[in-house]
Amino acid sequence: MANPAGGADIPVEVNDPAAAQFASRLRKVARERRKWAAREGVACYRLYDADVPEYACAIDLYEGAAEAEGELYAHVAEYAPPKSVDPEQAHARFEDVLALVPVVLGIPPEHVFSKSRLRAKGGGQYRDAGGRRFVTHTSEDGLICEIDLGGYLDTGIFLDHRVTREMVGKMAAGKRFLNLFAYTGVATLHAAAGGAKETTTVDLSQTYLDWAARNLAANGFAFEVVDKPNRRDRTDGGSARGRRGGAANKLVRADVTRWIAEARRRHERYDLIFVDPPTFSNSKAMGRRTWDVQRDHVELLVGVSRLLADGGVAVFSCNLRTFKPDLEELARCGVELEDITAQTIPHDFERNLRIHKCYLVRRK
């Protein structure tokens, strides 16, 4: 195997000679992608997404930030093979991938993290095959973002939504911003950095809400944690870098659909809303209810539209590749949808234009 740093070739033992095709493809894409990332100032991006069908995985590269400045990490997620593929053969090929990635990319083997996408029982969610946490930091548009490369299937930042978050940041100046199904709050970071008048971040998971709090603090944004309307539980003031701006940034732990209903009763209004729900959820915290974005999107978007101030707009994104909005029912409820998906697909995801759907939502 050619040494990316020059010098003598590096021997790599593989199970299948066809792995050379995978290595060649990864080397070619990495060369182009790294030049693009340096030119565009992108610090974390996709390198490979099952480009060679026999090697079915996604490979993302993360440049370190903060305490990890100068480090490089690779995150390799194996796709569950179809039933037509022998499991042992699929396992052998994935072993070859993990042997080749550090050599081709010139990354220390201990900086390569692997996950397996396994279909969970009884639902549409994926679960990972487990792993130890490895918490570090990367950046997006100069914002420091905490990532966990080892403990979760998703690292804490959805790379395919990079352009969408940048758009939100540009739209946020002077606005009252609401982030629903907020995950680790990276969209909130963009809104706060973009000059939002105030931000509200809502998620059911305490784990992710705490993660969002650390992201805000790492970037010097003060925030408050609110567990009930008009009640402030805790106030945290930025980081050692000092407090940025005077905006109020609220973190709320709540079931999003129930919170929307309560916010409507309180007559809350927002100028800009970002809503990126999961495809499916049967979280225990939801009780007996389940969430399905295809089944439930009309109710969700009607509720979101009622929280918009005059002239306000919501950005709705989802990752269900077969998603079809019920435009007729939404129109009947006074909701207008504008498909902007083509504008939100990053260069590093252009091989798969179905990676997500994205819409602007307005109230008629």
Protein backbone atom coordinates (compact mmCIF):
# COMPACT_ATOMS: atom_id res chain seq x y z
CA MET A 1 0.00 0.00 0.00
CA ALA A 2 1.36 3.41 -0.99
CA ASN A 3 2.48 5.53 1.97
CA PRO A 4 0.46 8.81 2.01
CA ALA A 5 3.41 10.51 3.69
CA GLY A 6 5.82 9.29 1.04
CA GLY A 7 8.64 6.81 1.51
CA ALA A 8 8.40 3.04 1.44
CA ASP A 9 5.07 1.33 0.84
CA ILE A 10 3.20 0.13 3.91
CA PRO A 11 2.23 -3.57 3.89
CA VAL A 12 -1.43 -4.20 4.69
CA GLU A 13 -2.81 -7.71 5.09
CA VAL A 14 -6.38 -8.06 3.78
CA ASN A 15 -8.93 -10.84 3.50
CA ASP A 16 -10.03 -10.07 -0.06
CA PRO A 17 -7.76 -8.86 -2.92
CA ALA A 18 -10.74 -6.82 -4.17
CA ALA A 19 -10.08 -4.48 -1.22
CA ALA A 20 -7.55 -2.77 -3.48
CA GLN A 21 -10.46 -1.29 -5.42
CA PHE A 22 -11.88 0.16 -2.21
CA ALA A 23 -8.48 1.60 -1.25
CA SER A 24 -8.05 3.18 -4.67
CA ARG A 25 -11.47 4.81 -4.53
CA LEU A 26 -10.95 6.11 -0.99
CA ARG A 27 -7.55 7.55 -1.88
CA LYS A 28 -8.95 9.35 -4.95
CA VAL A 29 -11.96 10.82 -3.12
CA ALA A 30 -9.90 11.84 -0.08
CA ARG A 31 -7.49 13.77 -2.28
CA GLU A 32 -10.31 15.75 -3.91
CA ARG A 33 -12.31 16.20 -0.71
CA ARG A 34 -9.40 17.48 1.36
CA LYS A 35 -8.63 20.16 -1.23
CA TRP A 36 -12.30 21.17 -1.29
CA ALA A 37 -12.50 21.26 2.52
CA ALA A 38 -9.37 23.41 2.82
CA ARG A 39 -10.70 25.82 0.20
CA GLU A 40 -14.16 26.07 1.81
CA GLY A 41 -13.04 26.02 5.44
CA VAL A 42 -14.91 22.79 6.24
CA ALA A 43 -13.50 20.84 9.20
CA CYS A 44 -15.69 17.70 9.21
CA TYR A 45 -17.07 16.02 6.12
CA ARG A 46 -17.94 12.78 4.36
CA LEU A 47 -15.25 11.02 2.36
CA TYR A 48 -16.92 7.83 1.27
CA ASP A 49 -20.47 6.46 1.18
CA ALA A 50 -20.57 2.91 -0.19
CA ASP A 51 -18.89 4.18 -3.37
CA VAL A 52 -17.82 0.57 -3.99
CA PRO A 53 -21.04 -1.38 -3.24
CA GLU A 54 -19.22 -4.41 -1.85
CA TYR A 55 -17.68 -2.18 0.82
CA ALA A 56 -20.89 -0.79 2.29
CA CYS A 57 -19.95 1.82 4.84
CA ALA A 58 -19.76 5.57 5.36
CA ILE A 59 -16.46 7.23 6.24
CA ASP A 60 -16.32 10.72 7.73
CA LEU A 61 -13.25 12.80 8.53
CA TYR A 62 -13.10 15.14 11.53
CA GLU A 63 -10.44 17.78 12.09
CA GLY A 64 -9.91 18.46 15.77
CA ALA A 65 -10.56 21.81 17.44
CA ALA A 66 -9.92 23.33 20.87
CA GLU A 67 -7.81 20.83 22.83
CA ALA A 68 -7.71 18.55 19.76
CA GLU A 69 -6.39 21.20 17.34
CA GLY A 70 -4.16 19.56 14.73
CA GLU A 71 -5.58 16.07 15.22
CA LEU A 72 -7.45 14.05 12.57
CA TYR A 73 -10.09 11.41 13.22
CA ALA A 74 -12.01 9.03 10.97
CA HIS A 75 -15.45 7.65 11.77
CA VAL A 76 -16.45 4.49 9.90
CA ALA A 77 -20.09 3.35 10.03
CA GLU A 78 -20.85 -0.07 8.56
CA TYR A 79 -24.21 -0.48 6.84
CA ALA A 80 -26.17 -3.63 7.64
CA PRO A 81 -25.62 -5.96 4.66
CA PRO A 82 -28.60 -7.26 2.66
CA LYS A 83 -29.68 -10.83 3.31
CA SER A 84 -28.20 -11.83 -0.05
CA VAL A 85 -24.67 -11.16 1.26
CA ASP A 86 -22.95 -13.79 3.37
CA PRO A 87 -22.48 -12.27 6.87
CA GLU A 88 -18.98 -13.72 7.20
CA GLN A 89 -17.95 -12.20 3.88
CA ALA A 90 -19.39 -8.83 4.91
CA HIS A 91 -17.49 -9.01 8.21
CA ALA A 92 -14.24 -9.86 6.41
CA ARG A 93 -14.68 -6.90 4.07
CA PHE A 94 -15.32 -4.54 6.98
CA GLU A 95 -12.13 -5.80 8.63
CA ASP A 96 -10.31 -4.89 5.41
CA VAL A 97 -11.85 -1.41 5.49
CA LEU A 98 -10.63 -0.85 9.05
CA ALA A 99 -7.14 -2.07 8.13
CA LEU A 100 -6.92 0.20 5.09
CA VAL A 101 -8.49 3.45 6.34
CA PRO A 102 -5.63 4.58 8.63
CA VAL A 103 -3.04 3.78 5.97
CA VAL A 104 -4.86 5.44 3.08
CA LEU A 105 -5.77 8.55 5.10
CA GLY A 106 -2.53 8.77 7.07
CA ILE A 107 -4.32 8.69 10.42
CA PRO A 108 -3.14 6.82 13.54
CA PRO A 109 -5.14 3.58 13.94
CA GLU A 110 -6.28 4.71 17.40
CA HIS A 111 -7.99 7.68 15.71
CA VAL A 112 -10.18 5.45 13.55
CA PHE A 113 -13.55 4.65 15.15
CA SER A 114 -15.97 2.07 13.81
CA LYS A 115 -19.70 1.50 14.30
CA SER A 116 -22.21 -0.95 12.86
CA ARG A 117 -25.70 0.06 11.83
CA LEU A 118 -27.99 -2.69 13.09
CA ARG A 119 -31.74 -2.60 12.57
CA ALA A 120 -33.46 -2.38 15.93
CA LYS A 121 -36.26 -4.79 16.72
CA GLY A 122 -39.78 -3.62 16.04
CA GLY A 123 -39.04 -0.23 14.54
CA GLY A 124 -37.29 1.93 12.00
CA GLN A 125 -34.52 3.13 14.26
CA TYR A 126 -30.92 2.02 13.96
CA ARG A 127 -28.85 1.09 16.95
CA ASP A 128 -25.09 0.84 17.10
CA ALA A 129 -23.04 -2.17 18.06
CA GLY A 130 -21.72 -0.47 21.17
CA GLY A 131 -18.38 1.08 22.01
CA ARG A 132 -16.50 3.18 24.50
CA ARG A 133 -17.03 6.92 24.53
CA PHE A 134 -14.35 9.09 22.95
CA VAL A 135 -15.23 12.74 23.46
CA THR A 136 -13.33 15.43 21.59
CA HIS A 137 -14.10 18.59 19.60
CA THR A 138 -14.33 19.63 15.97
CA SER A 139 -15.57 22.88 14.44
CA GLU A 140 -18.15 24.18 11.99
CA ASP A 141 -17.90 27.73 10.65
CA GLY A 142 -15.55 28.53 13.52
CA LEU A 143 -17.95 27.17 16.16
CA ILE A 144 -16.58 24.53 18.51
CA CYS A 145 -18.71 21.37 18.56
CA GLU A 146 -18.34 18.47 20.97
CA ILE A 147 -18.39 15.05 19.31
CA ASP A 148 -18.33 11.51 20.66
CA LEU A 149 -16.64 9.26 18.13
CA GLY A 150 -16.96 6.09 20.13
CA GLY A 151 -20.10 5.88 22.24
CA TYR A 152 -22.95 6.63 19.84
CA LEU A 153 -23.83 5.71 16.27
CA ASP A 154 -24.19 9.42 15.50
CA THR A 155 -21.31 11.59 16.65
CA GLY A 156 -23.22 14.69 17.79
CA ILE A 157 -23.27 16.57 14.50
CA PHE A 158 -25.24 15.55 11.41
CA LEU A 159 -22.85 16.39 8.59
CA ASP A 160 -25.48 16.37 5.83
CA HIS A 161 -27.22 19.33 7.51
CA ARG A 162 -24.16 21.59 7.38
CA VAL A 163 -25.54 23.85 4.63
CA THR A 164 -28.94 23.97 6.35
CA ARG A 165 -27.38 25.10 9.65
CA GLU A 166 -25.34 27.75 7.84
CA MET A 167 -28.55 28.99 6.22
CA VAL A 168 -30.26 29.14 9.62
CA GLY A 169 -27.37 31.17 10.99
CA LYS A 170 -27.67 33.71 8.18
CA MET A 171 -31.43 33.98 8.68
CA ALA A 172 -31.25 34.40 12.45
CA ALA A 173 -30.03 37.99 12.89
CA GLY A 174 -32.36 39.82 15.26
CA LYS A 175 -34.82 36.92 15.31
CA ARG A 176 -36.51 34.93 18.05
CA PHE A 177 -35.23 31.44 17.23
CA LEU A 178 -36.71 28.06 18.19
CA ASN A 179 -34.89 24.74 17.71
CA LEU A 180 -37.15 21.66 18.00
CA PHE A 181 -35.86 18.08 18.29
CA ALA A 182 -32.63 19.97 18.89
CA TYR A 183 -30.23 17.03 19.39
CA THR A 184 -26.90 18.55 20.49
CA GLY A 185 -27.93 22.11 19.67
CA VAL A 186 -25.53 22.82 16.80
CA ALA A 187 -28.25 24.71 14.90
CA THR A 188 -28.72 26.84 18.01
CA LEU A 189 -25.00 27.66 17.95
CA HIS A 190 -25.36 28.94 14.39
CA ALA A 191 -28.41 31.02 15.29
CA ALA A 192 -26.73 32.51 18.36
CA ALA A 193 -23.55 33.27 16.40
CA GLY A 194 -25.69 34.75 13.62
CA GLY A 195 -27.09 37.35 15.99
CA ALA A 196 -30.41 35.86 17.10
CA LYS A 197 -32.29 38.05 19.56
CA GLU A 198 -33.05 34.96 21.64
CA THR A 199 -32.95 31.18 21.24
CA THR A 200 -35.03 28.35 22.69
CA THR A 201 -33.76 24.79 22.36
CA VAL A 202 -36.14 21.90 23.01
CA ASP A 203 -35.37 18.18 23.22
CA LEU A 204 -36.73 15.24 25.21
CA SER A 205 -33.30 13.75 25.93
CA GLN A 206 -31.46 15.08 28.96
CA THR A 207 -28.26 13.60 27.52
CA TYR A 208 -28.54 15.68 24.37
CA LEU A 209 -29.73 18.78 26.22
CA ASP A 210 -26.66 18.60 28.47
CA TRP A 211 -24.56 18.18 25.32
CA ALA A 212 -26.18 21.31 23.84
CA ALA A 213 -25.36 23.17 27.04
CA ARG A 214 -21.69 22.20 26.75
CA ASN A 215 -21.66 23.32 23.12
CA LEU A 216 -23.05 26.72 24.09
CA ALA A 217 -20.57 27.07 26.95
CA ALA A 218 -17.62 26.03 24.76
CA ASN A 219 -18.44 28.94 22.46
CA GLY A 220 -18.91 31.46 25.23
CA PHE A 221 -22.72 31.71 25.07
CA ALA A 222 -24.58 32.10 28.35
CA PHE A 223 -27.73 30.02 28.74
CA GLU A 224 -30.43 29.05 31.19
CA VAL A 225 -32.09 25.69 31.75
CA VAL A 226 -35.88 25.84 32.08
CA ASP A 227 -37.96 22.85 33.16
CA LYS A 228 -41.32 24.63 33.35
CA PRO A 229 -42.72 27.79 31.75
CA ASN A 230 -41.63 30.91 33.64
CA ARG A 231 -39.38 28.90 35.93
CA ARG A 232 -35.60 29.05 35.66
CA ASP A 233 -33.81 26.07 37.11
CA ARG A 234 -30.19 26.94 36.53
CA THR A 235 -28.18 29.66 34.86
CA ASP A 236 -24.75 28.97 33.38
CA GLY A 237 -22.56 31.76 32.11
CA GLY A 238 -20.43 30.95 29.12
CA SER A 239 -16.89 29.66 29.33
CA ALA A 240 -13.43 30.97 30.08
CA ARG A 241 -13.55 32.69 26.72
CA GLY A 242 -16.19 35.03 28.15
CA ARG A 243 -19.83 35.57 27.46
CA ARG A 244 -20.79 36.31 23.84
CA GLY A 245 -23.60 38.69 23.04
CA GLY A 246 -26.61 39.55 25.12
CA ALA A 247 -29.12 37.07 23.72
CA ALA A 248 -31.12 34.85 26.06
CA ASN A 249 -30.48 31.17 25.26
CA LYS A 250 -32.97 28.81 26.90
CA LEU A 251 -32.69 25.01 27.07
CA VAL A 252 -35.93 23.12 27.64
CA ARG A 253 -36.35 19.41 28.27
CA ALA A 254 -39.74 18.37 26.94
CA ASP A 255 -41.64 16.10 24.60
CA VAL A 256 -41.65 18.35 21.53
CA THR A 257 -45.21 17.65 20.38
CA ARG A 258 -46.61 18.30 23.84
CA TRP A 259 -44.42 21.37 24.26
CA ILE A 260 -45.75 22.81 20.99
CA ALA A 261 -49.33 22.41 22.24
CA GLU A 262 -48.44 24.14 25.51
CA ALA A 263 -46.54 26.93 23.73
CA ARG A 264 -49.58 27.56 21.53
CA ARG A 265 -51.75 27.93 24.63
CA ARG A 266 -49.21 30.41 26.00
CA HIS A 267 -49.40 32.33 22.67
CA GLU A 268 -45.63 32.11 22.17
CA ARG A 269 -44.31 33.35 18.83
CA TYR A 270 -41.01 32.89 17.01
CA ASP A 271 -39.58 34.50 13.89
CA LEU A 272 -37.45 31.50 12.86
CA ILE A 273 -37.95 27.83 13.75
CA PHE A 274 -35.71 24.89 12.91
CA VAL A 275 -37.39 21.50 13.19
CA ASP A 276 -35.48 18.30 12.39
CA PRO A 277 -37.46 15.38 13.84
CA PRO A 278 -36.31 11.77 13.91
CA THR A 279 -37.70 9.41 11.31
CA PHE A 280 -39.10 7.16 14.02
CA SER A 281 -39.02 7.07 17.80
CA ASN A 282 -40.46 4.84 20.50
CA SER A 283 -38.58 6.42 23.39
CA LYS A 284 -39.75 5.24 26.82
CA ALA A 285 -40.03 8.88 27.86
CA MET A 286 -42.92 9.22 25.38
CA GLY A 287 -45.00 6.64 27.23
CA ARG A 288 -47.13 4.47 24.96
CA ARG A 289 -46.92 6.88 22.06
CA THR A 290 -44.59 6.49 19.09
CA TRP A 291 -43.37 9.03 16.57
CA ASP A 292 -43.37 8.49 12.81
CA VAL A 293 -42.42 11.45 10.62
CA GLN A 294 -44.50 10.31 7.63
CA ARG A 295 -47.56 9.61 9.74
CA ASP A 296 -47.25 12.62 12.06
CA HIS A 297 -45.72 15.42 9.97
CA VAL A 298 -49.00 17.21 9.23
CA GLU A 299 -49.89 17.59 12.90
CA LEU A 300 -46.32 18.67 13.66
CA LEU A 301 -46.11 21.30 10.93
CA VAL A 302 -49.55 22.70 11.64
CA GLY A 303 -48.46 23.17 15.26
CA VAL A 304 -45.14 24.70 14.23
CA SER A 305 -46.87 27.10 11.83
CA ARG A 306 -49.08 28.37 14.67
CA LEU A 307 -45.97 29.38 16.61
CA LEU A 308 -44.69 31.59 13.78
CA ALA A 309 -44.87 35.34 14.18
CA ASP A 310 -46.15 37.45 11.29
CA GLY A 311 -43.68 36.99 8.43
CA GLY A 312 -41.94 34.16 10.27
CA VAL A 313 -40.61 31.00 8.62
CA ALA A 314 -39.73 27.49 9.75
CA VAL A 315 -37.05 25.24 8.27
CA PHE A 316 -38.24 21.62 8.31
CA SER A 317 -35.82 18.80 7.54
CA CYS A 318 -36.11 15.03 7.71
CA ASN A 319 -34.01 12.04 6.71
CA LEU A 320 -36.72 9.62 5.61
CA ARG A 321 -35.70 8.98 2.02
CA THR A 322 -39.22 8.06 0.95
CA PHE A 323 -40.82 11.06 2.69
CA LYS A 324 -43.76 12.64 0.86
CA PRO A 325 -45.43 15.67 2.43
CA ASP A 326 -49.21 15.72 2.39
CA LEU A 327 -49.41 19.05 0.57
CA GLU A 328 -53.17 18.88 0.16
CA GLU A 329 -53.88 18.40 3.86
CA LEU A 330 -51.27 20.98 4.86
CA ALA A 331 -52.80 23.53 2.49
CA ARG A 332 -56.24 22.79 3.92
CA CYS A 333 -54.81 23.62 7.36
CA GLY A 334 -53.28 26.87 6.11
CA VAL A 335 -49.67 25.67 5.86
CA GLU A 336 -47.48 26.37 2.84
CA LEU A 337 -44.42 24.24 2.05
CA GLU A 338 -41.54 25.21 -0.24
CA ASP A 339 -39.11 22.43 -1.18
CA ILE A 340 -35.53 23.70 -0.90
CA THR A 341 -33.83 20.29 -0.69
CA ALA A 342 -31.59 20.87 -3.73
CA GLN A 343 -30.14 23.99 -2.10
CA THR A 344 -29.23 22.16 1.13
CA ILE A 345 -27.27 19.11 -0.08
CA PRO A 346 -23.56 19.64 0.71
CA HIS A 347 -20.89 18.82 -1.88
CA ASP A 348 -19.69 15.82 0.12
CA PHE A 349 -23.20 14.28 -0.03
CA GLU A 350 -23.92 14.91 -3.70
CA ARG A 351 -23.64 11.20 -4.53
CA ASN A 352 -26.85 10.64 -2.58
CA LEU A 353 -29.36 13.40 -3.24
CA ARG A 354 -31.93 11.54 -1.11
CA ILE A 355 -29.89 11.93 2.07
CA HIS A 356 -32.49 14.34 3.43
CA LYS A 357 -35.49 16.48 2.51
CA CYS A 358 -35.73 20.16 3.46
CA TYR A 359 -38.59 22.65 3.26
CA LEU A 360 -39.48 26.20 4.23
CA VAL A 361 -42.74 26.31 6.16
CA ARG A 362 -44.98 29.36 6.25
CA ARG A 363 -48.45 30.07 7.52
CA LYS A 364 -50.87 31.22 4.84
